[in-house]
Amino acid sequence: MSTWSRATGAAPSPSLEMARSIGSELVGLRRRLHQVPEIGLDLPQTQALVLEALEGLGLEVTTGRALSSVVAVLRGAAVPEGAPRPSVLLRGDMDALPVTEEVEVDYRSTNGAMHACGHDLHVAALVGAARILAERRDELAGDVVLMFQPGEEGPGGAAVMIEEGLLEASGTPVSAAYTLHVFSAEHSLGTWFGRPGPQMAAADEMTVRVIGQGGHGSQPHRASDPIPAACEMVLALQTRVTRGFDVFDPVVVTVGRFAAGTKDNIIPDDAVFEGTVRTLSTAARTQAIADIERACRGIAHAHGLEVEITWASGAYPVTVNDEAEFDLARDTVVDLFGADRWVDMANPELGSEDMAVVFEHVPGAYLNLSACATGDPELADDNHSPRAAFDDSVLPDAAAYLAEVALRRLAVAAP
């Protein structure tokens, strides 16, 4: 592990001391996970490593039926007999990306996929939190639901886990939910950052098929060419965004794929483009979808063409940090590590996150932690890059935070 400066403004908590004592084991687990990254909902090797790491902690463990999830309930012992048992949820996402790793480390991926978004650190941190909370079980004024989630990068594992009973796994509805995400760039190593309210955008995926009638390129009047109409739609969507939406409630529409035709002198029967729509409010999201459909249908009608518009199922909503839960989470970070380790995010980011689905049911907080492995975070490669490098020396701090925020939230919820 590399060395880096930790703040000394706060006395070490029991959670942090415990986390540091098992730091090398958490790093070892993370590196084992890093070598066998798996994609989507089916993560058998990852699931097996998680189950092995949780053995002996006295947890009530269940595995998913439709996906390779792990849900573990840790029962607190500081609940009076007959009293209500509040519960909180801690999440670690487990899946990787279809990226070929270019980071030169001796534990690099062995199978062509890559933990290019740092989910291997999330898993190891959550295992660390489980170990800390098991040791501090007598202080827990309720139960902790540990959510090891596949499919965060798609097709959306959180909704499936909720359908399978995640939020009632302890026997009572979860009161609050917390997670963290590591970054390989942007902030210096060990910096925590976040914001109340919208933290990340909703992401909707659209496919637009413009249907015409093919023909010879020399006689376009005898065909119905879908390509000019499709091009007009792409440009119109950008104009609609700049003229139809409040700049302080932003909308981003990006067309990332456009396909039509097979040869230069053949007018094709159809043209297809695909894009993503990012929004930070329900109102903007609803309006954006309606405006896109109206613009595309209007242009198709003007050209005498048909159009089919489809939206991908399982789109992620806006990730919204509950203000009270965020305050608790931020205060926990500052108390553990000192105020100089915290940075307020001025604006949301337009990436999206499956934890938003959990937050639609349960108030919670989503924080970020820099695991930047280079000296200059502005020059470092971002998450999802084949060169994204994460410094796993942050693991003890990540584990300590997750454990401590659960302890504090249950103390607040206790009767």
Protein backbone atom coordinates (compact mmCIF):
# COMPACT_ATOMS: atom_id res chain seq x y z
CA MET A 1 0.00 0.00 0.00
CA SER A 2 1.17 3.52 -0.67
CA THR A 3 1.50 5.97 2.19
CA TRP A 4 -0.40 9.22 2.36
CA SER A 5 -1.20 11.94 4.87
CA ARG A 6 -4.16 11.39 7.17
CA ALA A 7 -5.70 14.21 9.15
CA THR A 8 -4.94 14.26 12.86
CA GLY A 9 -7.74 16.59 13.90
CA ALA A 10 -9.90 13.83 15.36
CA ALA A 11 -9.04 11.10 17.82
CA PRO A 12 -9.21 7.62 16.28
CA SER A 13 -12.57 5.95 16.86
CA PRO A 14 -12.90 2.26 17.74
CA SER A 15 -14.25 1.65 14.23
CA LEU A 16 -11.22 3.29 12.62
CA GLU A 17 -8.76 1.49 14.85
CA MET A 18 -10.39 -1.86 14.06
CA ALA A 19 -10.43 -1.06 10.35
CA ARG A 20 -6.74 -0.23 10.32
CA SER A 21 -5.95 -3.45 12.16
CA ILE A 22 -7.52 -5.50 9.34
CA GLY A 23 -6.41 -3.20 6.51
CA SER A 24 -3.98 -5.65 4.94
CA GLU A 25 -6.66 -8.36 4.86
CA LEU A 26 -9.12 -6.01 3.15
CA VAL A 27 -6.48 -5.12 0.57
CA GLY A 28 -5.84 -8.82 -0.01
CA LEU A 29 -9.55 -9.45 -0.58
CA ARG A 30 -9.82 -6.48 -2.93
CA ARG A 31 -6.93 -7.74 -5.03
CA ARG A 32 -8.40 -11.24 -5.27
CA LEU A 33 -11.64 -9.69 -6.47
CA HIS A 34 -9.74 -7.49 -8.92
CA GLN A 35 -8.28 -10.54 -10.66
CA VAL A 36 -11.66 -12.14 -11.39
CA PRO A 37 -14.01 -9.30 -12.45
CA GLU A 38 -17.47 -10.36 -13.59
CA ILE A 39 -20.13 -8.45 -15.51
CA GLY A 40 -23.86 -8.00 -15.01
CA LEU A 41 -26.12 -10.02 -12.75
CA ASP A 42 -24.30 -13.36 -12.80
CA LEU A 43 -21.15 -13.10 -10.64
CA PRO A 44 -20.50 -16.60 -9.25
CA GLN A 45 -16.80 -16.16 -8.44
CA THR A 46 -17.36 -12.79 -6.81
CA GLN A 47 -20.27 -14.15 -4.80
CA ALA A 48 -18.16 -17.08 -3.61
CA LEU A 49 -15.38 -14.76 -2.43
CA VAL A 50 -17.89 -12.61 -0.54
CA LEU A 51 -19.48 -15.63 1.15
CA GLU A 52 -16.05 -16.89 2.16
CA ALA A 53 -15.12 -13.48 3.59
CA LEU A 54 -18.31 -13.33 5.70
CA GLU A 55 -17.92 -16.77 7.26
CA GLY A 56 -17.75 -16.87 11.03
CA LEU A 57 -19.29 -13.43 11.62
CA GLY A 58 -22.63 -14.72 12.87
CA LEU A 59 -24.66 -13.24 10.04
CA GLU A 60 -27.96 -14.36 8.54
CA VAL A 61 -26.94 -14.80 4.90
CA THR A 62 -29.14 -15.31 1.86
CA THR A 63 -28.24 -15.38 -1.81
CA GLY A 64 -30.30 -14.13 -4.73
CA ARG A 65 -32.54 -16.30 -6.84
CA ALA A 66 -32.43 -14.30 -10.08
CA LEU A 67 -28.93 -12.88 -9.61
CA SER A 68 -25.69 -13.55 -7.72
CA SER A 69 -26.47 -11.19 -4.86
CA VAL A 70 -25.60 -11.64 -1.20
CA VAL A 71 -27.74 -10.19 1.60
CA ALA A 72 -26.44 -10.55 5.14
CA VAL A 73 -28.26 -9.40 8.27
CA LEU A 74 -26.18 -8.53 11.32
CA ARG A 75 -28.28 -8.51 14.50
CA GLY A 76 -27.38 -5.89 17.07
CA ALA A 77 -27.39 -6.88 20.74
CA ALA A 78 -28.18 -3.46 22.23
CA VAL A 79 -31.94 -3.70 21.70
CA PRO A 80 -34.10 -4.19 24.81
CA GLU A 81 -36.20 -7.33 24.72
CA GLY A 82 -39.56 -6.64 23.12
CA ALA A 83 -38.49 -3.25 21.77
CA PRO A 84 -38.72 -2.40 18.04
CA ARG A 85 -35.66 -3.36 16.01
CA PRO A 86 -34.73 -0.56 13.61
CA SER A 87 -32.50 -1.48 10.67
CA VAL A 88 -30.19 0.31 8.28
CA LEU A 89 -28.73 -0.81 4.96
CA LEU A 90 -25.15 -0.62 3.73
CA ARG A 91 -24.43 -1.34 0.06
CA GLY A 92 -21.40 -2.53 -1.86
CA ASP A 93 -21.80 -3.09 -5.61
CA MET A 94 -19.88 -6.05 -7.02
CA ASP A 95 -19.91 -6.00 -10.83
CA ALA A 96 -17.19 -4.97 -13.26
CA LEU A 97 -17.03 -3.62 -16.81
CA PRO A 98 -16.27 -5.03 -20.29
CA VAL A 99 -12.92 -3.21 -20.39
CA THR A 100 -9.47 -4.67 -21.01
CA GLU A 101 -7.20 -3.53 -18.20
CA GLU A 102 -4.08 -1.50 -19.00
CA VAL A 103 -2.95 -0.86 -15.42
CA GLU A 104 0.37 -2.56 -14.73
CA VAL A 105 -0.14 -4.19 -11.33
CA ASP A 106 0.70 -7.70 -10.25
CA TYR A 107 -2.95 -8.39 -9.41
CA ARG A 108 -4.39 -7.22 -12.73
CA SER A 109 -7.46 -8.87 -14.23
CA THR A 110 -7.04 -12.37 -15.58
CA ASN A 111 -10.18 -12.64 -17.73
CA GLY A 112 -10.44 -9.62 -20.03
CA ALA A 113 -12.95 -7.68 -17.94
CA MET A 114 -11.94 -5.00 -15.41
CA HIS A 115 -12.97 -3.43 -12.13
CA ALA A 116 -12.55 -0.06 -13.84
CA CYS A 117 -15.09 1.60 -11.55
CA GLY A 118 -13.64 0.43 -8.25
CA HIS A 119 -16.43 -1.90 -7.19
CA ASP A 120 -13.85 -4.35 -5.87
CA LEU A 121 -12.94 -1.70 -3.29
CA HIS A 122 -16.62 -1.27 -2.40
CA VAL A 123 -16.99 -4.98 -1.72
CA ALA A 124 -13.87 -5.16 0.41
CA ALA A 125 -14.93 -2.05 2.37
CA LEU A 126 -18.35 -3.54 3.09
CA VAL A 127 -16.77 -6.79 4.26
CA GLY A 128 -14.57 -4.68 6.53
CA ALA A 129 -17.62 -2.88 7.91
CA ALA A 130 -19.26 -6.25 8.58
CA ARG A 131 -16.22 -7.38 10.56
CA ILE A 132 -16.14 -4.17 12.60
CA LEU A 133 -19.87 -4.26 13.33
CA ALA A 134 -19.68 -7.92 14.32
CA GLU A 135 -17.02 -6.96 16.88
CA ARG A 136 -19.18 -4.07 18.11
CA ARG A 137 -22.44 -6.02 18.05
CA ASP A 138 -23.13 -5.21 21.71
CA GLU A 139 -23.28 -1.49 20.80
CA LEU A 140 -25.66 -1.92 17.87
CA ALA A 141 -29.13 -0.65 18.72
CA GLY A 142 -30.72 -2.48 15.81
CA ASP A 143 -29.87 -4.53 12.75
CA VAL A 144 -27.69 -3.90 9.71
CA VAL A 145 -28.58 -5.21 6.26
CA LEU A 146 -25.47 -5.73 4.14
CA MET A 147 -26.31 -5.47 0.43
CA PHE A 148 -23.75 -6.98 -1.96
CA GLN A 149 -25.22 -6.02 -5.32
CA PRO A 150 -24.59 -7.27 -8.86
CA GLY A 151 -25.58 -5.35 -11.96
CA GLU A 152 -24.99 -1.75 -10.88
CA GLU A 153 -23.43 -1.02 -14.28
CA GLY A 154 -26.53 -2.55 -15.85
CA PRO A 155 -29.02 -4.09 -16.22
CA GLY A 156 -29.95 -2.90 -12.71
CA GLY A 157 -29.51 -5.30 -9.82
CA ALA A 158 -31.04 -3.11 -7.11
CA ALA A 159 -34.60 -3.44 -8.38
CA VAL A 160 -34.27 -7.23 -8.55
CA MET A 161 -32.90 -7.39 -5.01
CA ILE A 162 -35.76 -5.22 -3.76
CA GLU A 163 -38.26 -7.54 -5.47
CA GLU A 164 -36.59 -10.46 -3.67
CA GLY A 165 -37.16 -8.84 -0.27
CA LEU A 166 -33.98 -6.84 0.36
CA LEU A 167 -35.63 -3.98 2.24
CA GLU A 168 -37.43 -6.35 4.64
CA ALA A 169 -34.54 -8.80 5.07
CA SER A 170 -34.19 -8.06 8.78
CA GLY A 171 -37.90 -8.52 9.45
CA THR A 172 -38.60 -4.78 9.68
CA PRO A 173 -38.45 -2.18 6.90
CA VAL A 174 -35.06 -0.53 6.47
CA SER A 175 -35.00 3.00 7.93
CA ALA A 176 -32.02 4.43 6.02
CA ALA A 177 -29.44 3.37 3.45
CA TYR A 178 -25.81 4.35 2.88
CA THR A 179 -23.13 3.67 0.32
CA LEU A 180 -19.88 5.13 -0.95
CA HIS A 181 -18.12 5.24 -4.30
CA VAL A 182 -14.41 5.51 -4.98
CA PHE A 183 -12.97 7.79 -7.67
CA SER A 184 -9.70 7.31 -9.55
CA ALA A 185 -9.35 11.01 -10.44
CA GLU A 186 -10.68 14.51 -9.73
CA HIS A 187 -9.67 14.79 -6.02
CA SER A 188 -6.50 13.99 -4.12
CA LEU A 189 -6.19 10.63 -2.39
CA GLY A 190 -8.33 10.28 0.72
CA THR A 191 -10.68 13.20 0.00
CA TRP A 192 -14.37 12.65 0.71
CA PHE A 193 -16.98 14.63 -1.22
CA GLY A 194 -20.73 14.83 -1.74
CA ARG A 195 -23.76 17.10 -1.59
CA PRO A 196 -27.32 17.08 -0.24
CA GLY A 197 -30.19 16.76 -2.69
CA PRO A 198 -29.53 15.59 -6.27
CA GLN A 199 -26.12 13.92 -6.40
CA MET A 200 -26.30 12.09 -9.72
CA ALA A 201 -28.54 12.21 -12.76
CA ALA A 202 -31.32 10.03 -14.03
CA ALA A 203 -30.26 8.14 -17.15
CA ASP A 204 -32.71 7.11 -19.85
CA GLU A 205 -31.72 5.26 -23.01
CA MET A 206 -33.61 5.80 -26.26
CA THR A 207 -33.63 4.08 -29.62
CA VAL A 208 -35.20 5.92 -32.56
CA ARG A 209 -35.92 4.08 -35.82
CA VAL A 210 -36.90 6.23 -38.78
CA ILE A 211 -38.77 4.13 -41.35
CA GLY A 212 -38.74 5.04 -45.02
CA GLN A 213 -38.61 3.19 -48.32
CA GLY A 214 -35.34 2.23 -49.93
CA GLY A 215 -34.33 2.90 -53.50
CA HIS A 216 -31.52 3.92 -55.82
CA GLY A 217 -29.35 6.85 -54.82
CA SER A 218 -29.75 8.40 -58.27
CA GLN A 219 -33.54 8.63 -57.94
CA PRO A 220 -34.33 9.80 -54.39
CA HIS A 221 -37.75 11.05 -55.49
CA ARG A 222 -38.77 7.43 -56.07
CA ALA A 223 -37.81 6.47 -52.51
CA SER A 224 -38.47 7.81 -49.02
CA ASP A 225 -35.05 8.56 -47.59
CA PRO A 226 -34.90 8.16 -43.78
CA ILE A 227 -31.34 9.49 -43.37
CA PRO A 228 -31.92 13.25 -43.77
CA ALA A 229 -34.90 13.07 -41.42
CA ALA A 230 -32.90 11.14 -38.82
CA CYS A 231 -30.07 13.68 -39.07
CA GLU A 232 -32.57 16.50 -38.64
CA MET A 233 -33.91 14.79 -35.51
CA VAL A 234 -30.46 14.55 -33.93
CA LEU A 235 -29.83 18.26 -34.47
CA ALA A 236 -33.33 19.22 -33.37
CA LEU A 237 -32.89 17.44 -30.05
CA GLN A 238 -29.84 19.56 -29.23
CA THR A 239 -31.72 22.74 -30.10
CA ARG A 240 -34.68 21.64 -28.03
CA VAL A 241 -32.46 21.18 -24.97
CA THR A 242 -30.90 24.64 -25.22
CA ARG A 243 -34.22 26.37 -25.88
CA GLY A 244 -36.68 24.30 -23.87
CA PHE A 245 -35.07 23.78 -20.47
CA ASP A 246 -33.94 25.93 -17.57
CA VAL A 247 -30.14 26.00 -17.52
CA PHE A 248 -30.30 25.62 -13.73
CA ASP A 249 -32.16 22.32 -14.11
CA PRO A 250 -29.97 20.88 -16.84
CA VAL A 251 -30.71 18.24 -19.44
CA VAL A 252 -28.05 16.46 -21.50
CA VAL A 253 -28.99 14.53 -24.64
CA THR A 254 -26.18 12.62 -26.32
CA VAL A 255 -26.62 10.51 -29.45
CA GLY A 256 -23.84 7.95 -29.33
CA ARG A 257 -24.79 5.66 -32.18
CA PHE A 258 -26.16 6.35 -35.67
CA ALA A 259 -26.56 3.57 -38.23
CA ALA A 260 -28.03 3.51 -41.72
CA GLY A 261 -27.45 1.95 -45.09
CA THR A 262 -25.02 -0.50 -46.61
CA LYS A 263 -23.58 1.30 -49.67
CA ASP A 264 -23.11 4.83 -50.99
CA ASN A 265 -25.68 4.56 -53.79
CA ILE A 266 -28.42 2.75 -51.89
CA ILE A 267 -31.16 4.60 -50.00
CA PRO A 268 -31.95 2.34 -47.04
CA ASP A 269 -35.35 1.41 -45.69
CA ASP A 270 -34.54 2.78 -42.25
CA ALA A 271 -32.08 4.70 -40.10
CA VAL A 272 -31.52 4.11 -36.40
CA PHE A 273 -29.92 6.23 -33.73
CA GLU A 274 -29.45 5.61 -30.02
CA GLY A 275 -28.83 8.07 -27.25
CA THR A 276 -28.81 8.79 -23.55
CA VAL A 277 -30.81 11.46 -21.71
CA ARG A 278 -29.49 12.79 -18.39
CA THR A 279 -31.68 14.85 -16.05
CA LEU A 280 -31.57 16.02 -12.43
CA SER A 281 -35.26 16.36 -11.63
CA THR A 282 -38.43 14.39 -12.21
CA ALA A 283 -40.02 17.37 -13.96
CA ALA A 284 -37.13 17.77 -16.41
CA ARG A 285 -37.01 14.03 -17.02
CA THR A 286 -40.72 13.86 -17.84
CA GLN A 287 -40.54 16.90 -20.11
CA ALA A 288 -37.39 15.68 -21.88
CA ILE A 289 -38.95 12.35 -22.80
CA ALA A 290 -42.13 14.05 -24.04
CA ASP A 291 -40.20 16.69 -26.03
CA ILE A 292 -37.95 14.10 -27.69
CA GLU A 293 -40.93 12.04 -28.79
CA ARG A 294 -42.82 15.11 -30.07
CA ALA A 295 -39.82 16.44 -32.02
CA CYS A 296 -39.03 13.10 -33.65
CA ARG A 297 -42.63 12.37 -34.57
CA GLY A 298 -43.11 15.88 -35.94
CA ILE A 299 -40.03 15.68 -38.15
CA ALA A 300 -40.99 12.21 -39.37
CA HIS A 301 -44.48 13.46 -40.24
CA ALA A 302 -43.05 16.44 -42.11
CA HIS A 303 -41.00 14.07 -44.27
CA GLY A 304 -43.85 11.61 -44.80
CA LEU A 305 -42.07 8.91 -42.79
CA GLU A 306 -42.84 6.68 -39.83
CA VAL A 307 -40.85 6.60 -36.62
CA GLU A 308 -40.55 4.11 -33.77
CA ILE A 309 -39.23 5.36 -30.42
CA THR A 310 -38.39 2.93 -27.63
CA TRP A 311 -37.01 3.55 -24.15
CA ALA A 312 -34.90 0.99 -22.33
CA SER A 313 -36.50 -0.58 -19.31
CA GLY A 314 -34.86 -0.32 -15.91
CA ALA A 315 -33.57 3.23 -16.35
CA TYR A 316 -32.00 4.75 -13.26
CA PRO A 317 -33.79 7.68 -11.60
CA VAL A 318 -32.08 10.72 -10.05
CA THR A 319 -29.84 9.83 -7.09
CA VAL A 320 -31.06 12.11 -4.30
CA ASN A 321 -29.31 12.42 -0.96
CA ASP A 322 -31.79 12.92 1.85
CA GLU A 323 -30.70 16.07 3.71
CA ALA A 324 -30.87 14.58 7.21
CA GLU A 325 -29.12 11.35 6.21
CA PHE A 326 -26.51 13.31 4.28
CA ASP A 327 -25.81 15.53 7.30
CA LEU A 328 -25.28 12.43 9.44
CA ALA A 329 -22.99 10.87 6.81
CA ARG A 330 -20.90 14.02 6.31
CA ASP A 331 -20.62 14.60 10.08
CA THR A 332 -19.44 11.00 10.48
CA VAL A 333 -16.68 11.57 7.92
CA VAL A 334 -15.57 14.83 9.53
CA ASP A 335 -15.57 13.30 13.02
CA LEU A 336 -13.56 10.29 11.86
CA PHE A 337 -11.03 11.95 9.58
CA GLY A 338 -11.11 15.70 10.17
CA ALA A 339 -12.72 18.57 8.27
CA ASP A 340 -9.76 18.92 5.90
CA ARG A 341 -10.65 15.56 4.35
CA TRP A 342 -14.13 16.78 3.30
CA VAL A 343 -15.07 18.82 0.18
CA ASP A 344 -18.58 20.02 -0.68
CA MET A 345 -19.63 19.26 -4.25
CA ALA A 346 -20.82 22.51 -5.86
CA ASN A 347 -22.90 20.72 -8.50
CA PRO A 348 -24.33 17.27 -9.15
CA GLU A 349 -22.62 15.00 -11.64
CA LEU A 350 -24.46 13.66 -14.67
CA GLY A 351 -23.39 10.07 -14.26
CA SER A 352 -26.09 7.74 -12.94
CA GLU A 353 -26.26 5.18 -10.17
CA ASP A 354 -28.41 2.15 -9.35
CA MET A 355 -28.49 3.16 -5.66
CA ALA A 356 -31.09 5.71 -6.78
CA VAL A 357 -33.59 2.86 -6.95
CA VAL A 358 -33.01 2.09 -3.26
CA PHE A 359 -33.34 5.79 -2.42
CA GLU A 360 -36.79 5.83 -4.03
CA HIS A 361 -37.90 3.55 -1.17
CA VAL A 362 -35.58 4.55 1.69
CA PRO A 363 -33.91 7.88 2.59
CA GLY A 364 -30.15 7.67 2.42
CA ALA A 365 -26.78 9.17 1.61
CA TYR A 366 -24.29 8.47 -1.17
CA LEU A 367 -20.75 9.76 -0.61
CA ASN A 368 -17.63 9.70 -2.78
CA LEU A 369 -14.06 8.93 -1.74
CA SER A 370 -10.98 9.57 -3.82
CA ALA A 371 -8.73 6.56 -4.30
CA CYS A 372 -6.61 8.38 -6.88
CA ALA A 373 -3.36 6.45 -7.30
CA THR A 374 -1.37 9.23 -8.98
CA GLY A 375 0.06 12.49 -7.70
CA ASP A 376 -2.04 14.73 -9.93
CA PRO A 377 -5.76 13.86 -9.85
CA GLU A 378 -6.43 16.27 -12.73
CA LEU A 379 -4.23 14.15 -15.01
CA ALA A 380 -5.37 10.77 -13.69
CA ASP A 381 -7.62 8.54 -15.78
CA ASP A 382 -11.25 8.55 -14.72
CA ASN A 383 -13.43 5.66 -13.65
CA HIS A 384 -14.34 3.34 -16.57
CA SER A 385 -11.01 3.96 -18.31
CA PRO A 386 -8.81 0.90 -18.98
CA ARG A 387 -6.10 2.93 -17.19
CA ALA A 388 -8.19 3.81 -14.11
CA ALA A 389 -5.97 3.05 -11.10
CA PHE A 390 -7.27 2.90 -7.53
CA ASP A 391 -5.13 3.12 -4.40
CA ASP A 392 -6.51 0.55 -1.98
CA SER A 393 -4.88 2.22 1.03
CA VAL A 394 -8.26 3.98 1.45
CA LEU A 395 -9.97 0.70 2.36
CA PRO A 396 -9.67 0.99 6.16
CA ASP A 397 -11.21 4.46 6.06
CA ALA A 398 -14.03 3.30 3.79
CA ALA A 399 -14.80 0.35 6.06
CA ALA A 400 -14.66 2.50 9.18
CA TYR A 401 -17.05 5.05 7.71
CA LEU A 402 -19.63 2.44 6.73
CA ALA A 403 -19.52 0.81 10.15
CA GLU A 404 -19.64 4.10 12.03
CA VAL A 405 -22.52 5.59 10.08
CA ALA A 406 -24.58 2.45 10.75
CA LEU A 407 -23.79 2.59 14.47
CA ARG A 408 -24.74 6.26 14.67
CA ARG A 409 -27.94 5.93 12.66
CA LEU A 410 -29.18 3.03 14.75
CA ALA A 411 -28.44 4.98 17.92
CA VAL A 412 -30.63 7.80 16.58
CA ALA A 413 -33.40 5.39 15.60
CA ALA A 414 -33.40 3.50 18.90
CA PRO A 415 -36.45 4.15 21.15
